[in-house]
Every structure is written in C-alpha cells, then in structure tokens.
C-alpha atoms as a PDB file:
ATOM      1  CA  MET A   1     -13.678  -1.448  -1.691  1.00  0.00           C
ATOM      2  CA  MET A   2     -11.720   1.569  -1.863  1.00  0.00           C
ATOM      3  CA  THR A   3     -13.362   5.049  -1.556  1.00  0.00           C
ATOM      4  CA  TYR A   4     -12.883   7.825  -4.000  1.00  0.00           C
ATOM      5  CA  GLY A   5     -13.668  11.834  -3.046  1.00  0.00           C
ATOM      6  CA  THR A   6     -14.557  11.801   0.616  1.00  0.00           C
ATOM      7  CA  LYS A   7     -16.368   9.746   3.268  1.00  0.00           C
ATOM      8  CA  SER A   8     -18.159  12.720   4.957  1.00  0.00           C
ATOM      9  CA  ASP A   9     -17.674  16.617   4.779  1.00  0.00           C
ATOM     10  CA  GLU A  10     -17.146  16.507   8.563  1.00  0.00           C
ATOM     11  CA  ARG A  11     -14.162  14.114   8.064  1.00  0.00           C
ATOM     12  CA  LYS A  12     -12.759  16.336   5.282  1.00  0.00           C
ATOM     13  CA  ARG A  13     -13.187  19.331   7.471  1.00  0.00           C
ATOM     14  CA  LEU A  14     -11.689  17.931  10.695  1.00  0.00           C
ATOM     15  CA  LYS A  15      -8.862  15.689   9.235  1.00  0.00           C
ATOM     16  CA  GLY A  16      -8.603  16.774   5.613  1.00  0.00           C
ATOM     17  CA  GLU A  17      -9.539  13.449   4.301  1.00  0.00           C
ATOM     18  CA  VAL A  18      -9.788  13.158   0.601  1.00  0.00           C
ATOM     19  CA  PHE A  19      -9.346  10.102  -1.612  1.00  0.00           C
ATOM     20  CA  THR A  20      -7.370  10.046  -4.723  1.00  0.00           C
ATOM     21  CA  PRO A  21      -8.882   8.267  -7.824  1.00  0.00           C
ATOM     22  CA  PRO A  22      -7.155   5.345  -8.982  1.00  0.00           C
ATOM     23  CA  GLY A  23      -6.220   6.825 -12.558  1.00  0.00           C
ATOM     24  CA  VAL A  24      -4.454   9.759 -10.709  1.00  0.00           C
ATOM     25  CA  VAL A  25      -2.787   7.402  -8.326  1.00  0.00           C
ATOM     26  CA  PHE A  26      -1.136   5.217 -11.321  1.00  0.00           C
ATOM     27  CA  TYR A  27      -0.169   8.382 -13.188  1.00  0.00           C
ATOM     28  CA  MET A  28       1.523   9.764 -10.174  1.00  0.00           C
ATOM     29  CA  ILE A  29       3.363   6.668  -9.420  1.00  0.00           C
ATOM     30  CA  MET A  30       4.482   5.970 -12.789  1.00  0.00           C
ATOM     31  CA  ASN A  31       5.737   9.306 -13.370  1.00  0.00           C
ATOM     32  CA  VAL A  32       7.248  10.035 -10.141  1.00  0.00           C
ATOM     33  CA  ASN A  33       8.618   6.836  -8.742  1.00  0.00           C
ATOM     34  CA  LYS A  34      11.838   5.989 -10.528  1.00  0.00           C
ATOM     35  CA  TYR A  35      12.317   3.135  -8.291  1.00  0.00           C
ATOM     36  CA  LEU A  36       9.593   1.031  -9.457  1.00  0.00           C
ATOM     37  CA  PRO A  37      11.790  -1.724 -11.098  1.00  0.00           C
ATOM     38  CA  ASP A  38      13.549  -2.234  -7.761  1.00  0.00           C
ATOM     39  CA  MET A  39      11.543  -4.660  -5.862  1.00  0.00           C
ATOM     40  CA  LYS A  40      13.284  -3.776  -2.664  1.00  0.00           C
ATOM     41  CA  LYS A  41      13.182  -0.031  -2.807  1.00  0.00           C
ATOM     42  CA  MET A  42      10.972   1.129   0.183  1.00  0.00           C
ATOM     43  CA  PHE A  43       7.649   2.960  -0.345  1.00  0.00           C
ATOM     44  CA  PHE A  44       6.026   4.949   2.521  1.00  0.00           C
ATOM     45  CA  ASP A  45       2.662   6.661   2.246  1.00  0.00           C
ATOM     46  CA  PRO A  46       2.416   8.931   5.340  1.00  0.00           C
ATOM     47  CA  CYS A  47      -1.469   9.369   4.977  1.00  0.00           C
ATOM     48  CA  VAL A  48      -2.278   6.008   3.351  1.00  0.00           C
ATOM     49  CA  GLY A  49      -6.037   6.177   3.553  1.00  0.00           C
ATOM     50  CA  GLU A  50      -7.626   3.007   2.126  1.00  0.00           C
ATOM     51  CA  GLY A  51      -4.478   2.120   0.492  1.00  0.00           C
ATOM     52  CA  GLN A  52      -4.899   3.658  -2.959  1.00  0.00           C
ATOM     53  CA  PHE A  53      -0.930   4.530  -3.414  1.00  0.00           C
ATOM     54  CA  PRO A  54       0.490   1.439  -1.777  1.00  0.00           C
ATOM     55  CA  CYS A  55      -1.908  -0.801  -3.811  1.00  0.00           C
ATOM     56  CA  ALA A  56      -0.860   0.718  -6.874  1.00  0.00           C
ATOM     57  CA  GLU A  57       2.853   0.547  -6.020  1.00  0.00           C
ATOM     58  CA  LEU A  58       2.347  -3.178  -5.274  1.00  0.00           C
ATOM     59  CA  VAL A  59       0.986  -3.942  -8.511  1.00  0.00           C
ATOM     60  CA  LEU A  60       3.360  -1.900 -10.318  1.00  0.00           C
ATOM     61  CA  LYS A  61       6.397  -3.498  -8.716  1.00  0.00           C
ATOM     62  CA  MET A  62       4.851  -6.818  -9.494  1.00  0.00           C
ATOM     63  CA  PHE A  63       4.600  -5.992 -13.144  1.00  0.00           C
ATOM     64  CA  TYR A  64       8.158  -4.668 -13.337  1.00  0.00           C
ATOM     65  CA  SER A  65       9.204  -8.059 -11.619  1.00  0.00           C
ATOM     66  CA  VAL A  66       7.054 -10.391 -13.722  1.00  0.00           C
ATOM     67  CA  ASP A  67      10.052 -12.268 -15.081  1.00  0.00           C
ATOM     68  CA  LYS A  68      11.140 -13.188 -11.645  1.00  0.00           C
ATOM     69  CA  LEU A  69       7.932 -13.154  -9.733  1.00  0.00           C
ATOM     70  CA  ASN A  70       7.466 -16.159  -7.176  1.00  0.00           C
ATOM     71  CA  GLU A  71       5.951 -16.102  -3.787  1.00  0.00           C
ATOM     72  CA  LYS A  72       9.474 -15.251  -2.076  1.00  0.00           C
ATOM     73  CA  ASN A  73       9.927 -12.180  -4.451  1.00  0.00           C
ATOM     74  CA  ALA A  74       6.149 -11.268  -4.043  1.00  0.00           C
ATOM     75  CA  LEU A  75       6.708 -11.221  -0.209  1.00  0.00           C
ATOM     76  CA  ILE A  76      10.060  -9.109  -0.825  1.00  0.00           C
ATOM     77  CA  ILE A  77       7.975  -6.569  -2.734  1.00  0.00           C
ATOM     78  CA  LEU A  78       5.221  -6.589  -0.162  1.00  0.00           C
ATOM     79  CA  SER A  79       7.725  -6.127   2.663  1.00  0.00           C
ATOM     80  CA  SER A  80       9.041  -2.971   0.919  1.00  0.00           C
ATOM     81  CA  ILE A  81       5.683  -1.129   1.133  1.00  0.00           C
ATOM     82  CA  PHE A  82       4.645   0.801   4.278  1.00  0.00           C
ATOM     83  CA  GLY A  83       1.826   3.228   5.468  1.00  0.00           C
ATOM     84  CA  MET A  84       0.379   5.035   8.222  1.00  0.00           C
ATOM     85  CA  ASP A  85      -2.920   6.879   8.780  1.00  0.00           C
ATOM     86  CA  ILE A  86      -4.553   8.698  11.513  1.00  0.00           C
ATOM     87  CA  GLN A  87      -7.943   6.928  10.941  1.00  0.00           C
ATOM     88  CA  GLY A  88      -8.373   3.463  12.144  1.00  0.00           C
ATOM     89  CA  ASP A  89     -11.293   2.525   9.898  1.00  0.00           C
ATOM     90  CA  ASN A  90      -9.179   3.563   6.880  1.00  0.00           C
ATOM     91  CA  LEU A  91      -6.161   1.567   7.974  1.00  0.00           C
ATOM     92  CA  ASP A  92      -8.317  -1.606   8.500  1.00  0.00           C
ATOM     93  CA  GLN A  93      -9.763  -0.942   4.797  1.00  0.00           C
ATOM     94  CA  CYS A  94      -6.156  -0.339   3.575  1.00  0.00           C
ATOM     95  CA  ARG A  95      -4.829  -3.656   5.238  1.00  0.00           C
ATOM     96  CA  ALA A  96      -8.004  -5.644   3.442  1.00  0.00           C
ATOM     97  CA  ASN A  97      -7.013  -3.818   0.206  1.00  0.00           C
ATOM     98  CA  MET A  98      -3.342  -4.620   0.328  1.00  0.00           C
ATOM     99  CA  LEU A  99      -4.122  -8.256   0.983  1.00  0.00           C
ATOM    100  CA  SER A 100      -6.655  -8.858  -1.835  1.00  0.00           C
ATOM    101  CA  THR A 101      -4.453  -6.901  -4.218  1.00  0.00           C
ATOM    102  CA  PHE A 102      -1.536  -9.086  -3.168  1.00  0.00           C
ATOM    103  CA  CYS A 103      -3.170 -12.152  -4.014  1.00  0.00           C
ATOM    104  CA  ASP A 104      -5.195 -10.771  -7.105  1.00  0.00           C
ATOM    105  CA  ALA A 105      -2.112  -9.381  -8.669  1.00  0.00           C
ATOM    106  CA  TYR A 106       0.219 -12.403  -7.887  1.00  0.00           C
ATOM    107  CA  LYS A 107      -2.493 -14.499  -9.624  1.00  0.00           C
ATOM    108  CA  TYR A 108      -2.899 -12.326 -12.451  1.00  0.00           C
ATOM    109  CA  PHE A 109       0.884 -12.101 -13.299  1.00  0.00           C
ATOM    110  CA  THR A 110       1.804 -15.792 -12.505  1.00  0.00           C
ATOM    111  CA  GLY A 111      -1.433 -17.678 -13.259  1.00  0.00           C
ATOM    112  CA  LYS A 112      -1.163 -19.119  -9.705  1.00  0.00           C
ATOM    113  CA  GLU A 113      -2.834 -19.003  -6.376  1.00  0.00           C
ATOM    114  CA  ILE A 114      -0.834 -17.729  -3.299  1.00  0.00           C
ATOM    115  CA  SER A 115      -0.191 -20.796  -0.917  1.00  0.00           C
ATOM    116  CA  GLU A 116      -1.548 -20.745   2.457  1.00  0.00           C
ATOM    117  CA  PRO A 117       1.855 -20.346   4.124  1.00  0.00           C
ATOM    118  CA  THR A 118       2.707 -17.150   2.008  1.00  0.00           C
ATOM    119  CA  LEU A 119      -0.832 -15.873   2.505  1.00  0.00           C
ATOM    120  CA  ASN A 120      -0.082 -16.030   6.375  1.00  0.00           C
ATOM    121  CA  LYS A 121       3.276 -14.268   5.866  1.00  0.00           C
ATOM    122  CA  ALA A 122       1.499 -11.460   3.753  1.00  0.00           C
ATOM    123  CA  ILE A 123      -1.078 -11.141   6.402  1.00  0.00           C
ATOM    124  CA  LEU A 124       1.704 -10.725   9.102  1.00  0.00           C
ATOM    125  CA  ILE A 125       3.656  -8.182   6.886  1.00  0.00           C
ATOM    126  CA  ILE A 126       0.624  -5.968   6.024  1.00  0.00           C
ATOM    127  CA  ALA A 127      -0.260  -5.941   9.836  1.00  0.00           C
ATOM    128  CA  HIS A 128       3.291  -4.793  10.872  1.00  0.00           C
ATOM    129  CA  ASN A 129       3.780  -2.547   7.984  1.00  0.00           C
ATOM    130  CA  PHE A 130       0.586  -0.475   7.971  1.00  0.00           C
ATOM    131  CA  GLN A 131       0.018   1.224  11.247  1.00  0.00           C
ATOM    132  CA  VAL A 132      -2.461   3.863  12.980  1.00  0.00           C
ATOM    133  CA  GLY A 133      -0.570   6.846  13.741  1.00  0.00           C
ATOM    134  CA  ASP A 134       0.038  10.660  13.001  1.00  0.00           C
ATOM    135  CA  SER A 135       2.711  11.073  10.447  1.00  0.00           C
ATOM    136  CA  LEU A 136       3.114  14.652  11.148  1.00  0.00           C
ATOM    137  CA  GLU A 137       3.913  13.911  14.893  1.00  0.00           C
ATOM    138  CA  LEU A 138       6.054  11.122  13.829  1.00  0.00           C
ATOM    139  CA  MET A 139       8.124  13.836  11.479  1.00  0.00           C
ATOM    140  CA  LYS A 140       8.397  15.955  14.721  1.00  0.00           C
ATOM    141  CA  ILE A 141       9.878  13.248  16.827  1.00  0.00           C
ATOM    142  CA  LEU A 142      12.177  12.321  13.953  1.00  0.00           C
ATOM    143  CA  LYS A 143      13.445  15.779  13.346  1.00  0.00           C
ATOM    144  CA  ALA A 144      13.963  16.307  17.034  1.00  0.00           C
ATOM    145  CA  GLY A 145      16.419  13.308  17.168  1.00  0.00           C
END
C-alpha cells in the first residue's frame, strides 16, 4: 500500500522524504507528459519512493494503448519505466506496487489475467528497472563523463 505525506519527521528531515498524493500525481503526469501515447518512450523517476509516479505512468500508458494492449505490449510498456531511490524499504514497496498495478491494470483494460510466463517476465523487468541508489550522485557521475 502506498504512503502519502511522510513516514516520519526524522526521515523527512534527514532525506527530504515526502510522498505525493495520487490525485496530484495523475494531474502532473497527464499535464506534463506529452509522450503518454508512446508506449516505448522512457520514463525515469529519480526519487521513486513507493512508486506513485511510475504506477500512474504505467496505468496511463496502458490506457492510451488499450486498443493494442496484449501481454507483449504490456511488457513493452513496463520495460519503458524506471526508478531509483535512496531508501531500500521504499524501493521494495515500489516494486510490489508496480507488480500489482501491472496485473490489476492489465486485467481492468483487457478483462484477462496475466499469464504466469508474462508475470515472471514482469517480475524480472521490475527488479532490473527499479534500483536502490542516489540519483544526485548518479547525475554527478554522468555530468563528469
């Protein structure tokens, strides 16, 4: 289950950890991301938290692709979404939220359950695409070349 607000005042003070409410997340993605209809366009959340933004991106990309949504295309959409967070517990929850959102959204839009082989691929994609790390340090490394 996703958290909204903060987990603790100490984590907020030490890491700047604040969670965005779902209505704000969907509003931001719908009004900022002009690439939603493109199922292959990459999305990266550098402070992924529990996955509010990537989960919303996943649902909206499936919505925009509903006329051609099958398991292969659902995996393509999932493969286009990435995230990083400095807090391991948040990332664990993010991965769980991404998997449940993937399965729930696919069933909602197609009326079908995800097959076991596709579910196993989704688990691997999520494990690969969502990593513990400091995105600010990553930016420094990338800028240094």
